[in-house]
Each structure stands twice: as structure tokens, then as C-alpha cells.
Amino acid sequence: MAEPSKVIHVRNVGHEITENDLLQLVQPFGSVTKLVMLRTKNQALMQMQDVASAINLVDYYTNLQPSVRGRNVYMQFSSHQELTTDQTQGRKSDTVSDCQSSRIYGVHS
């Protein structure tokens, strides 16, 4: 397992699972500042407001299997400490992954 990070890696995110579904799942643990859906890989990356919130989230779901729309999802710390965007070529692209269909959202509570 990667060391604690603000960034949570979520696996088994099917096409039926929306960004809002994931936000509702983690909302009790704190604010999500960025969300990247990696649709072609059935994965997502979420950046929590701080490491403490991320630790509480991962600890909780280590002991209780999270399920969204009937599908078990799996959460762990990402190897990335922060999600960033690269706008040097005039477009937003995900520097965390080469997935071109990724979307990055700033979420405000």
C-alpha cells in the first residue's frame, strides 16, 4: 500500500457510477478538491482537502466494503501526493495519467 496521501485511488468504478455518486460516498470525511474519472480504466482519483481526511476515509473503508449502485468499489492511497493539470498546450490534460478522456473538477463545499 502507498503511504498516506490526499489523493485516493478508487477502483472498479463502472460507467453507471457518476462523479456525484463518489462525492456523496466520501462527503462525510471532508471536502473533495479535485476528481478525475478514468472511465476507460474503471477508476477514479479523488483529492481530499487534507491528508487527515484521506486517512479517515481509507481507514473506514478498509473495514467496511463501500458499494455504489450495487458495485463494490475499492479505495486506497494513490502514489501521487497531489493532482495537477498541465495547461501548457492550451488544453487541460491529466498529468497523473495518459487517459485523454479524463475530466478534472474543482469541487466546492
PDB file of N, CA and C in Angstrom:
ATOM      1  N   MET A   1       0.850  -1.181   0.000  1.00  0.00           N
ATOM      2  CA  MET A   1       0.000   0.000   0.000  1.00  0.00           C
ATOM      3  C   MET A   1       0.892   1.240   0.000  1.00  0.00           C
ATOM      4  N   ALA A   2       0.474   2.253  -0.754  1.00  0.00           N
ATOM      5  CA  ALA A   2       1.210   3.514  -0.811  1.00  0.00           C
ATOM      6  C   ALA A   2       1.096   4.257   0.514  1.00  0.00           C
ATOM      7  N   GLU A   3       2.050   5.145   0.785  1.00  0.00           N
ATOM      8  CA  GLU A   3       1.984   5.925   2.019  1.00  0.00           C
ATOM      9  C   GLU A   3       0.824   6.912   1.939  1.00  0.00           C
ATOM     10  N   PRO A   4       0.333   7.374   3.088  1.00  0.00           N
ATOM     11  CA  PRO A   4      -0.823   8.286   3.088  1.00  0.00           C
ATOM     12  C   PRO A   4      -0.619   9.503   2.195  1.00  0.00           C
ATOM     13  N   SER A   5      -1.692   9.863   1.525  1.00  0.00           N
ATOM     14  CA  SER A   5      -1.696  10.950   0.556  1.00  0.00           C
ATOM     15  C   SER A   5      -3.083  11.576   0.556  1.00  0.00           C
ATOM     16  N   LYS A   6      -3.205  12.821   0.121  1.00  0.00           N
ATOM     17  CA  LYS A   6      -4.518  13.454  -0.052  1.00  0.00           C
ATOM     18  C   LYS A   6      -5.290  12.808  -1.195  1.00  0.00           C
ATOM     19  N   VAL A   7      -4.570  12.109  -2.078  1.00  0.00           N
ATOM     20  CA  VAL A   7      -5.180  11.542  -3.282  1.00  0.00           C
ATOM     21  C   VAL A   7      -5.569  10.086  -3.042  1.00  0.00           C
ATOM     22  N   ILE A   8      -6.832   9.790  -3.307  1.00  0.00           N
ATOM     23  CA  ILE A   8      -7.385   8.443  -3.154  1.00  0.00           C
ATOM     24  C   ILE A   8      -7.603   7.835  -4.538  1.00  0.00           C
ATOM     25  N   HIS A   9      -7.122   6.605  -4.702  1.00  0.00           N
ATOM     26  CA  HIS A   9      -7.317   5.847  -5.937  1.00  0.00           C
ATOM     27  C   HIS A   9      -8.526   4.941  -5.727  1.00  0.00           C
ATOM     28  N   VAL A  10      -9.512   5.050  -6.601  1.00  0.00           N
ATOM     29  CA  VAL A  10     -10.737   4.255  -6.497  1.00  0.00           C
ATOM     30  C   VAL A  10     -10.794   3.309  -7.689  1.00  0.00           C
ATOM     31  N   ARG A  11     -10.954   2.021  -7.419  1.00  0.00           N
ATOM     32  CA  ARG A  11     -11.029   1.007  -8.473  1.00  0.00           C
ATOM     33  C   ARG A  11     -12.442   0.443  -8.593  1.00  0.00           C
ATOM     34  N   ASN A  12     -12.710  -0.164  -9.740  1.00  0.00           N
ATOM     35  CA  ASN A  12     -13.996  -0.794 -10.050  1.00  0.00           C
ATOM     36  C   ASN A  12     -15.125   0.233 -10.161  1.00  0.00           C
ATOM     37  N   VAL A  13     -14.806   1.376 -10.742  1.00  0.00           N
ATOM     38  CA  VAL A  13     -15.778   2.452 -10.950  1.00  0.00           C
ATOM     39  C   VAL A  13     -16.418   2.219 -12.323  1.00  0.00           C
ATOM     40  N   GLY A  14     -17.576   1.578 -12.318  1.00  0.00           N
ATOM     41  CA  GLY A  14     -18.263   1.274 -13.570  1.00  0.00           C
ATOM     42  C   GLY A  14     -18.848   2.513 -14.223  1.00  0.00           C
ATOM     43  N   HIS A  15     -19.266   2.380 -15.461  1.00  0.00           N
ATOM     44  CA  HIS A  15     -19.822   3.503 -16.224  1.00  0.00           C
ATOM     45  C   HIS A  15     -21.116   4.036 -15.618  1.00  0.00           C
ATOM     46  N   GLU A  16     -21.796   3.198 -14.821  1.00  0.00           N
ATOM     47  CA  GLU A  16     -23.047   3.638 -14.195  1.00  0.00           C
ATOM     48  C   GLU A  16     -22.798   4.540 -12.978  1.00  0.00           C
ATOM     49  N   ILE A  17     -21.571   4.573 -12.487  1.00  0.00           N
ATOM     50  CA  ILE A  17     -21.230   5.380 -11.315  1.00  0.00           C
ATOM     51  C   ILE A  17     -20.851   6.789 -11.768  1.00  0.00           C
ATOM     52  N   THR A  18     -21.513   7.773 -11.178  1.00  0.00           N
ATOM     53  CA  THR A  18     -21.272   9.166 -11.561  1.00  0.00           C
ATOM     54  C   THR A  18     -20.287   9.834 -10.595  1.00  0.00           C
ATOM     55  N   GLU A  19     -19.821  11.001 -11.018  1.00  0.00           N
ATOM     56  CA  GLU A  19     -18.975  11.803 -10.146  1.00  0.00           C
ATOM     57  C   GLU A  19     -19.711  12.114  -8.843  1.00  0.00           C
ATOM     58  N   ASN A  20     -20.980  12.443  -8.955  1.00  0.00           N
ATOM     59  CA  ASN A  20     -21.790  12.776  -7.792  1.00  0.00           C
ATOM     60  C   ASN A  20     -21.919  11.587  -6.831  1.00  0.00           C
ATOM     61  N   ASP A  21     -22.027  10.369  -7.369  1.00  0.00           N
ATOM     62  CA  ASP A  21     -22.084   9.170  -6.522  1.00  0.00           C
ATOM     63  C   ASP A  21     -20.835   9.074  -5.646  1.00  0.00           C
ATOM     64  N   LEU A  22     -19.676   9.288  -6.244  1.00  0.00           N
ATOM     65  CA  LEU A  22     -18.433   9.208  -5.479  1.00  0.00           C
ATOM     66  C   LEU A  22     -18.335  10.332  -4.455  1.00  0.00           C
ATOM     67  N   LEU A  23     -18.758  11.520  -4.848  1.00  0.00           N
ATOM     68  CA  LEU A  23     -18.713  12.652  -3.920  1.00  0.00           C
ATOM     69  C   LEU A  23     -19.605  12.395  -2.703  1.00  0.00           C
ATOM     70  N   GLN A  24     -20.780  11.824  -2.935  1.00  0.00           N
ATOM     71  CA  GLN A  24     -21.684  11.513  -1.821  1.00  0.00           C
ATOM     72  C   GLN A  24     -21.092  10.441  -0.909  1.00  0.00           C
ATOM     73  N   LEU A  25     -20.382   9.488  -1.486  1.00  0.00           N
ATOM     74  CA  LEU A  25     -19.784   8.402  -0.713  1.00  0.00           C
ATOM     75  C   LEU A  25     -18.724   8.924   0.257  1.00  0.00           C
ATOM     76  N   VAL A  26     -17.954   9.912  -0.167  1.00  0.00           N
ATOM     77  CA  VAL A  26     -16.842  10.386   0.666  1.00  0.00           C
ATOM     78  C   VAL A  26     -17.154  11.670   1.426  1.00  0.00           C
ATOM     79  N   GLN A  27     -18.295  12.273   1.173  1.00  0.00           N
ATOM     80  CA  GLN A  27     -18.669  13.548   1.783  1.00  0.00           C
ATOM     81  C   GLN A  27     -18.555  13.564   3.306  1.00  0.00           C
ATOM     82  N   PRO A  28     -18.900  12.498   4.031  1.00  0.00           N
ATOM     83  CA  PRO A  28     -18.773  12.534   5.491  1.00  0.00           C
ATOM     84  C   PRO A  28     -17.331  12.706   5.993  1.00  0.00           C
ATOM     85  N   PHE A  29     -16.357  12.491   5.129  1.00  0.00           N
ATOM     86  CA  PHE A  29     -14.951  12.528   5.549  1.00  0.00           C
ATOM     87  C   PHE A  29     -14.269  13.861   5.243  1.00  0.00           C
ATOM     88  N   GLY A  30     -14.931  14.746   4.523  1.00  0.00           N
ATOM     89  CA  GLY A  30     -14.332  16.039   4.204  1.00  0.00           C
ATOM     90  C   GLY A  30     -14.564  16.424   2.758  1.00  0.00           C
ATOM     91  N   SER A  31     -13.983  17.547   2.391  1.00  0.00           N
ATOM     92  CA  SER A  31     -14.171  18.097   1.048  1.00  0.00           C
ATOM     93  C   SER A  31     -13.248  17.442   0.030  1.00  0.00           C
ATOM     94  N   VAL A  32     -13.794  17.211  -1.154  1.00  0.00           N
ATOM     95  CA  VAL A  32     -13.013  16.756  -2.297  1.00  0.00           C
ATOM     96  C   VAL A  32     -12.663  17.996  -3.101  1.00  0.00           C
ATOM     97  N   THR A  33     -11.379  18.212  -3.344  1.00  0.00           N
ATOM     98  CA  THR A  33     -10.969  19.405  -4.086  1.00  0.00           C
ATOM     99  C   THR A  33     -10.807  19.139  -5.575  1.00  0.00           C
ATOM    100  N   LYS A  34     -10.508  17.893  -5.939  1.00  0.00           N
ATOM    101  CA  LYS A  34     -10.392  17.524  -7.357  1.00  0.00           C
ATOM    102  C   LYS A  34     -10.863  16.094  -7.528  1.00  0.00           C
ATOM    103  N   LEU A  35     -11.442  15.838  -8.693  1.00  0.00           N
ATOM    104  CA  LEU A  35     -11.936  14.499  -9.019  1.00  0.00           C
ATOM    105  C   LEU A  35     -11.619  14.215 -10.474  1.00  0.00           C
ATOM    106  N   VAL A  36     -10.938  13.116 -10.719  1.00  0.00           N
ATOM    107  CA  VAL A  36     -10.592  12.696 -12.077  1.00  0.00           C
ATOM    108  C   VAL A  36     -11.235  11.330 -12.317  1.00  0.00           C
ATOM    109  N   MET A  37     -12.122  11.258 -13.312  1.00  0.00           N
ATOM    110  CA  MET A  37     -12.737   9.991 -13.681  1.00  0.00           C
ATOM    111  C   MET A  37     -11.936   9.389 -14.839  1.00  0.00           C
ATOM    112  N   LEU A  38     -11.417   8.197 -14.635  1.00  0.00           N
ATOM    113  CA  LEU A  38     -10.664   7.482 -15.663  1.00  0.00           C
ATOM    114  C   LEU A  38     -11.580   6.397 -16.214  1.00  0.00           C
ATOM    115  N   ARG A  39     -12.533   6.811 -17.029  1.00  0.00           N
ATOM    116  CA  ARG A  39     -13.605   5.915 -17.486  1.00  0.00           C
ATOM    117  C   ARG A  39     -13.100   4.673 -18.199  1.00  0.00           C
ATOM    118  N   THR A  40     -12.103   4.822 -19.053  1.00  0.00           N
ATOM    119  CA  THR A  40     -11.637   3.663 -19.816  1.00  0.00           C
ATOM    120  C   THR A  40     -10.962   2.622 -18.935  1.00  0.00           C
ATOM    121  N   LYS A  41     -10.554   3.039 -17.734  1.00  0.00           N
ATOM    122  CA  LYS A  41      -9.895   2.118 -16.808  1.00  0.00           C
ATOM    123  C   LYS A  41     -10.788   1.717 -15.638  1.00  0.00           C
ATOM    124  N   ASN A  42     -12.043   2.213 -15.621  1.00  0.00           N
ATOM    125  CA  ASN A  42     -12.954   1.967 -14.499  1.00  0.00           C
ATOM    126  C   ASN A  42     -12.328   2.382 -13.172  1.00  0.00           C
ATOM    127  N   GLN A  43     -11.689   3.549 -13.178  1.00  0.00           N
ATOM    128  CA  GLN A  43     -11.025   4.056 -11.989  1.00  0.00           C
ATOM    129  C   GLN A  43     -11.325   5.537 -11.821  1.00  0.00           C
ATOM    130  N   ALA A  44     -11.008   6.034 -10.641  1.00  0.00           N
ATOM    131  CA  ALA A  44     -11.119   7.470 -10.367  1.00  0.00           C
ATOM    132  C   ALA A  44     -10.012   7.851  -9.393  1.00  0.00           C
ATOM    133  N   LEU A  45      -9.654   9.121  -9.430  1.00  0.00           N
ATOM    134  CA  LEU A  45      -8.731   9.698  -8.460  1.00  0.00           C
ATOM    135  C   LEU A  45      -9.436  10.868  -7.813  1.00  0.00           C
ATOM    136  N   MET A  46      -9.416  10.907  -6.491  1.00  0.00           N
ATOM    137  CA  MET A  46     -10.050  11.998  -5.745  1.00  0.00           C
ATOM    138  C   MET A  46      -9.014  12.621  -4.837  1.00  0.00           C
ATOM    139  N   GLN A  47      -8.941  13.937  -4.858  1.00  0.00           N
ATOM    140  CA  GLN A  47      -8.049  14.626  -3.935  1.00  0.00           C
ATOM    141  C   GLN A  47      -8.869  15.226  -2.814  1.00  0.00           C
ATOM    142  N   MET A  48      -8.584  14.789  -1.603  1.00  0.00           N
ATOM    143  CA  MET A  48      -9.263  15.316  -0.431  1.00  0.00           C
ATOM    144  C   MET A  48      -8.610  16.630  -0.025  1.00  0.00           C
ATOM    145  N   GLN A  49      -9.296  17.378   0.809  1.00  0.00           N
ATOM    146  CA  GLN A  49      -8.790  18.673   1.252  1.00  0.00           C
ATOM    147  C   GLN A  49      -7.472  18.537   2.022  1.00  0.00           C
ATOM    148  N   ASP A  50      -7.337  17.457   2.805  1.00  0.00           N
ATOM    149  CA  ASP A  50      -6.104  17.262   3.566  1.00  0.00           C
ATOM    150  C   ASP A  50      -5.847  15.767   3.777  1.00  0.00           C
ATOM    151  N   VAL A  51      -4.641  15.464   4.213  1.00  0.00           N
ATOM    152  CA  VAL A  51      -4.236  14.069   4.411  1.00  0.00           C
ATOM    153  C   VAL A  51      -5.048  13.403   5.516  1.00  0.00           C
ATOM    154  N   ALA A  52      -5.356  14.150   6.577  1.00  0.00           N
ATOM    155  CA  ALA A  52      -6.128  13.566   7.691  1.00  0.00           C
ATOM    156  C   ALA A  52      -7.487  13.056   7.212  1.00  0.00           C
ATOM    157  N   SER A  53      -8.163  13.812   6.355  1.00  0.00           N
ATOM    158  CA  SER A  53      -9.451  13.370   5.809  1.00  0.00           C
ATOM    159  C   SER A  53      -9.279  12.105   4.978  1.00  0.00           C
ATOM    160  N   ALA A  54      -8.226  12.056   4.195  1.00  0.00           N
ATOM    161  CA  ALA A  54      -7.964  10.886   3.354  1.00  0.00           C
ATOM    162  C   ALA A  54      -7.673   9.656   4.209  1.00  0.00           C
ATOM    163  N   ILE A  55      -6.909   9.841   5.280  1.00  0.00           N
ATOM    164  CA  ILE A  55      -6.597   8.717   6.175  1.00  0.00           C
ATOM    165  C   ILE A  55      -7.878   8.180   6.818  1.00  0.00           C
ATOM    166  N   ASN A  56      -8.737   9.071   7.305  1.00  0.00           N
ATOM    167  CA  ASN A  56     -10.008   8.640   7.895  1.00  0.00           C
ATOM    168  C   ASN A  56     -10.856   7.867   6.889  1.00  0.00           C
ATOM    169  N   LEU A  57     -10.899   8.342   5.657  1.00  0.00           N
ATOM    170  CA  LEU A  57     -11.664   7.694   4.590  1.00  0.00           C
ATOM    171  C   LEU A  57     -11.145   6.288   4.309  1.00  0.00           C
ATOM    172  N   VAL A  58      -9.846   6.167   4.083  1.00  0.00           N
ATOM    173  CA  VAL A  58      -9.265   4.858   3.755  1.00  0.00           C
ATOM    174  C   VAL A  58      -9.387   3.903   4.940  1.00  0.00           C
ATOM    175  N   ASP A  59      -9.142   4.396   6.148  1.00  0.00           N
ATOM    176  CA  ASP A  59      -9.290   3.533   7.333  1.00  0.00           C
ATOM    177  C   ASP A  59     -10.716   3.003   7.458  1.00  0.00           C
ATOM    178  N   TYR A  60     -11.697   3.880   7.269  1.00  0.00           N
ATOM    179  CA  TYR A  60     -13.101   3.475   7.391  1.00  0.00           C
ATOM    180  C   TYR A  60     -13.459   2.409   6.354  1.00  0.00           C
ATOM    181  N   TYR A  61     -13.075   2.654   5.098  1.00  0.00           N
ATOM    182  CA  TYR A  61     -13.458   1.720   4.039  1.00  0.00           C
ATOM    183  C   TYR A  61     -12.539   0.507   3.943  1.00  0.00           C
ATOM    184  N   THR A  62     -11.513   0.455   4.768  1.00  0.00           N
ATOM    185  CA  THR A  62     -10.727  -0.767   4.885  1.00  0.00           C
ATOM    186  C   THR A  62     -11.520  -1.802   5.677  1.00  0.00           C
ATOM    187  N   ASN A  63     -12.348  -1.321   6.615  1.00  0.00           N
ATOM    188  CA  ASN A  63     -13.138  -2.200   7.476  1.00  0.00           C
ATOM    189  C   ASN A  63     -14.576  -2.388   7.008  1.00  0.00           C
ATOM    190  N   LEU A  64     -15.018  -1.588   6.061  1.00  0.00           N
ATOM    191  CA  LEU A  64     -16.382  -1.674   5.551  1.00  0.00           C
ATOM    192  C   LEU A  64     -16.336  -1.528   4.033  1.00  0.00           C
ATOM    193  N   GLN A  65     -16.790  -2.552   3.328  1.00  0.00           N
ATOM    194  CA  GLN A  65     -16.726  -2.545   1.868  1.00  0.00           C
ATOM    195  C   GLN A  65     -17.688  -1.511   1.289  1.00  0.00           C
ATOM    196  N   PRO A  66     -17.182  -0.462   0.612  1.00  0.00           N
ATOM    197  CA  PRO A  66     -18.089   0.508   0.003  1.00  0.00           C
ATOM    198  C   PRO A  66     -18.715  -0.055  -1.279  1.00  0.00           C
ATOM    199  N   SER A  67     -19.970   0.285  -1.471  1.00  0.00           N
ATOM    200  CA  SER A  67     -20.701  -0.151  -2.654  1.00  0.00           C
ATOM    201  C   SER A  67     -21.453   1.046  -3.225  1.00  0.00           C
ATOM    202  N   VAL A  68     -21.372   1.204  -4.538  1.00  0.00           N
ATOM    203  CA  VAL A  68     -22.067   2.295  -5.220  1.00  0.00           C
ATOM    204  C   VAL A  68     -22.877   1.695  -6.355  1.00  0.00           C
ATOM    205  N   ARG A  69     -24.184   1.957  -6.341  1.00  0.00           N
ATOM    206  CA  ARG A  69     -25.090   1.420  -7.372  1.00  0.00           C
ATOM    207  C   ARG A  69     -24.922  -0.095  -7.544  1.00  0.00           C
ATOM    208  N   GLY A  70     -24.776  -0.788  -6.393  1.00  0.00           N
ATOM    209  CA  GLY A  70     -24.676  -2.239  -6.405  1.00  0.00           C
ATOM    210  C   GLY A  70     -23.315  -2.785  -6.789  1.00  0.00           C
ATOM    211  N   ARG A  71     -22.327  -1.930  -6.961  1.00  0.00           N
ATOM    212  CA  ARG A  71     -20.988  -2.357  -7.357  1.00  0.00           C
ATOM    213  C   ARG A  71     -20.000  -2.042  -6.234  1.00  0.00           C
ATOM    214  N   ASN A  72     -19.235  -3.062  -5.819  1.00  0.00           N
ATOM    215  CA  ASN A  72     -18.197  -2.825  -4.826  1.00  0.00           C
ATOM    216  C   ASN A  72     -17.090  -1.982  -5.442  1.00  0.00           C
ATOM    217  N   VAL A  73     -16.689  -0.917  -4.749  1.00  0.00           N
ATOM    218  CA  VAL A  73     -15.551  -0.111  -5.184  1.00  0.00           C
ATOM    219  C   VAL A  73     -14.453  -0.252  -4.138  1.00  0.00           C
ATOM    220  N   TYR A  74     -13.231  -0.064  -4.555  1.00  0.00           N
ATOM    221  CA  TYR A  74     -12.073  -0.292  -3.693  1.00  0.00           C
ATOM    222  C   TYR A  74     -11.242   0.976  -3.624  1.00  0.00           C
ATOM    223  N   MET A  75     -10.902   1.398  -2.405  1.00  0.00           N
ATOM    224  CA  MET A  75     -10.185   2.652  -2.194  1.00  0.00           C
ATOM    225  C   MET A  75      -8.854   2.403  -1.527  1.00  0.00           C
ATOM    226  N   GLN A  76      -7.856   3.127  -1.996  1.00  0.00           N
ATOM    227  CA  GLN A  76      -6.529   3.069  -1.408  1.00  0.00           C
ATOM    228  C   GLN A  76      -5.833   4.396  -1.676  1.00  0.00           C
ATOM    229  N   PHE A  77      -4.726   4.641  -0.973  1.00  0.00           N
ATOM    230  CA  PHE A  77      -3.968   5.856  -1.232  1.00  0.00           C
ATOM    231  C   PHE A  77      -3.314   5.758  -2.600  1.00  0.00           C
ATOM    232  N   SER A  78      -3.298   6.868  -3.305  1.00  0.00           N
ATOM    233  CA  SER A  78      -2.582   6.946  -4.572  1.00  0.00           C
ATOM    234  C   SER A  78      -1.105   7.146  -4.289  1.00  0.00           C
ATOM    235  N   SER A  79      -0.273   6.800  -5.237  1.00  0.00           N
ATOM    236  CA  SER A  79       1.157   7.087  -5.111  1.00  0.00           C
ATOM    237  C   SER A  79       1.435   8.569  -5.361  1.00  0.00           C
ATOM    238  N   HIS A  80       0.440   9.306  -5.843  1.00  0.00           N
ATOM    239  CA  HIS A  80       0.571  10.741  -6.076  1.00  0.00           C
ATOM    240  C   HIS A  80       0.158  11.508  -4.825  1.00  0.00           C
ATOM    241  N   GLN A  81       0.894  12.536  -4.493  1.00  0.00           N
ATOM    242  CA  GLN A  81       0.569  13.361  -3.335  1.00  0.00           C
ATOM    243  C   GLN A  81      -0.441  14.453  -3.675  1.00  0.00           C
ATOM    244  N   GLU A  82      -0.569  14.772  -4.963  1.00  0.00           N
ATOM    245  CA  GLU A  82      -1.470  15.843  -5.385  1.00  0.00           C
ATOM    246  C   GLU A  82      -1.814  15.647  -6.851  1.00  0.00           C
ATOM    247  N   LEU A  83      -3.044  16.038  -7.243  1.00  0.00           N
ATOM    248  CA  LEU A  83      -3.441  16.010  -8.640  1.00  0.00           C
ATOM    249  C   LEU A  83      -3.152  17.373  -9.247  1.00  0.00           C
ATOM    250  N   THR A  84      -2.551  17.370 -10.420  1.00  0.00           N
ATOM    251  CA  THR A  84      -2.239  18.629 -11.094  1.00  0.00           C
ATOM    252  C   THR A  84      -2.753  18.577 -12.524  1.00  0.00           C
ATOM    253  N   THR A  85      -2.865  19.749 -13.128  1.00  0.00           N
ATOM    254  CA  THR A  85      -3.240  19.822 -14.534  1.00  0.00           C
ATOM    255  C   THR A  85      -2.102  20.477 -15.295  1.00  0.00           C
ATOM    256  N   ASP A  86      -1.990  20.118 -16.549  1.00  0.00           N
ATOM    257  CA  ASP A  86      -0.970  20.685 -17.417  1.00  0.00           C
ATOM    258  C   ASP A  86      -1.683  21.452 -18.509  1.00  0.00           C
ATOM    259  N   GLN A  87      -1.547  22.764 -18.509  1.00  0.00           N
ATOM    260  CA  GLN A  87      -2.232  23.596 -19.493  1.00  0.00           C
ATOM    261  C   GLN A  87      -1.244  24.236 -20.461  1.00  0.00           C
ATOM    262  N   THR A  88      -0.060  23.668 -20.579  1.00  0.00           N
ATOM    263  CA  THR A  88       0.970  24.266 -21.428  1.00  0.00           C
ATOM    264  C   THR A  88       0.641  24.168 -22.910  1.00  0.00           C
ATOM    265  N   GLN A  89      -0.214  23.238 -23.309  1.00  0.00           N
ATOM    266  CA  GLN A  89      -0.559  23.076 -24.711  1.00  0.00           C
ATOM    267  C   GLN A  89      -1.945  23.617 -25.020  1.00  0.00           C
ATOM    268  N   GLY A  90      -2.473  24.482 -24.152  1.00  0.00           N
ATOM    269  CA  GLY A  90      -3.762  25.098 -24.418  1.00  0.00           C
ATOM    270  C   GLY A  90      -4.960  24.219 -24.122  1.00  0.00           C
ATOM    271  N   ARG A  91      -4.753  23.086 -23.492  1.00  0.00           N
ATOM    272  CA  ARG A  91      -5.863  22.215 -23.134  1.00  0.00           C
ATOM    273  C   ARG A  91      -5.569  21.600 -21.791  1.00  0.00           C
ATOM    274  N   LYS A  92      -6.641  21.244 -21.078  1.00  0.00           N
ATOM    275  CA  LYS A  92      -6.452  20.556 -19.800  1.00  0.00           C
ATOM    276  C   LYS A  92      -6.158  19.104 -20.089  1.00  0.00           C
ATOM    277  N   SER A  93      -5.090  18.603 -19.523  1.00  0.00           N
ATOM    278  CA  SER A  93      -4.830  17.173 -19.619  1.00  0.00           C
ATOM    279  C   SER A  93      -4.414  16.682 -18.254  1.00  0.00           C
ATOM    280  N   ASP A  94      -4.627  15.443 -18.019  1.00  0.00           N
ATOM    281  CA  ASP A  94      -4.346  14.858 -16.724  1.00  0.00           C
ATOM    282  C   ASP A  94      -2.877  14.454 -16.676  1.00  0.00           C
ATOM    283  N   THR A  95      -2.090  15.084 -15.830  1.00  0.00           N
ATOM    284  CA  THR A  95      -0.683  14.730 -15.723  1.00  0.00           C
ATOM    285  C   THR A  95      -0.479  13.482 -14.878  1.00  0.00           C
ATOM    286  N   VAL A  96      -1.526  13.033 -14.211  1.00  0.00           N
ATOM    287  CA  VAL A  96      -1.420  11.833 -13.398  1.00  0.00           C
ATOM    288  C   VAL A  96      -1.509  10.590 -14.278  1.00  0.00           C
ATOM    289  N   SER A  97      -2.230  10.683 -15.356  1.00  0.00           N
ATOM    290  CA  SER A  97      -2.453   9.549 -16.246  1.00  0.00           C
ATOM    291  C   SER A  97      -2.449  10.026 -17.685  1.00  0.00           C
ATOM    292  N   ASP A  98      -2.199   9.116 -18.607  1.00  0.00           N
ATOM    293  CA  ASP A  98      -2.241   9.455 -20.024  1.00  0.00           C
ATOM    294  C   ASP A  98      -3.642   9.379 -20.601  1.00  0.00           C
ATOM    295  N   CYS A  99      -4.626   9.091 -19.783  1.00  0.00           N
ATOM    296  CA  CYS A  99      -6.008   8.933 -20.243  1.00  0.00           C
ATOM    297  C   CYS A  99      -6.531  10.262 -20.777  1.00  0.00           C
ATOM    298  N   GLN A 100      -6.785  10.358 -22.062  1.00  0.00           N
ATOM    299  CA  GLN A 100      -7.212  11.601 -22.695  1.00  0.00           C
ATOM    300  C   GLN A 100      -8.650  11.977 -22.378  1.00  0.00           C
ATOM    301  N   SER A 101      -9.463  11.014 -21.931  1.00  0.00           N
ATOM    302  CA  SER A 101     -10.871  11.310 -21.682  1.00  0.00           C
ATOM    303  C   SER A 101     -11.119  11.757 -20.246  1.00  0.00           C
ATOM    304  N   SER A 102     -10.077  11.955 -19.472  1.00  0.00           N
ATOM    305  CA  SER A 102     -10.242  12.375 -18.081  1.00  0.00           C
ATOM    306  C   SER A 102     -10.809  13.772 -18.001  1.00  0.00           C
ATOM    307  N   ARG A 103     -11.619  13.999 -16.966  1.00  0.00           N
ATOM    308  CA  ARG A 103     -12.122  15.336 -16.690  1.00  0.00           C
ATOM    309  C   ARG A 103     -11.730  15.682 -15.271  1.00  0.00           C
ATOM    310  N   ILE A 104     -11.337  16.903 -15.051  1.00  0.00           N
ATOM    311  CA  ILE A 104     -10.939  17.337 -13.715  1.00  0.00           C
ATOM    312  C   ILE A 104     -11.960  18.353 -13.237  1.00  0.00           C
ATOM    313  N   TYR A 105     -12.458  18.133 -12.031  1.00  0.00           N
ATOM    314  CA  TYR A 105     -13.469  19.002 -11.452  1.00  0.00           C
ATOM    315  C   TYR A 105     -12.938  19.613 -10.172  1.00  0.00           C
ATOM    316  N   GLY A 106     -13.151  20.886 -10.005  1.00  0.00           N
ATOM    317  CA  GLY A 106     -12.935  21.517  -8.715  1.00  0.00           C
ATOM    318  C   GLY A 106     -14.262  21.456  -7.974  1.00  0.00           C
ATOM    319  N   VAL A 107     -14.269  20.959  -6.770  1.00  0.00           N
ATOM    320  CA  VAL A 107     -15.497  20.783  -6.018  1.00  0.00           C
ATOM    321  C   VAL A 107     -15.464  21.720  -4.823  1.00  0.00           C
ATOM    322  N   HIS A 108     -16.507  22.501  -4.652  1.00  0.00           N
ATOM    323  CA  HIS A 108     -16.568  23.453  -3.537  1.00  0.00           C
ATOM    324  C   HIS A 108     -17.701  23.056  -2.608  1.00  0.00           C
ATOM    325  N   SER A 109     -17.438  23.102  -1.319  1.00  0.00           N
ATOM    326  CA  SER A 109     -18.495  22.792  -0.353  1.00  0.00           C
ATOM    327  C   SER A 109     -18.984  24.069   0.281  1.00  0.00           C
TER     328      SER A 109
END
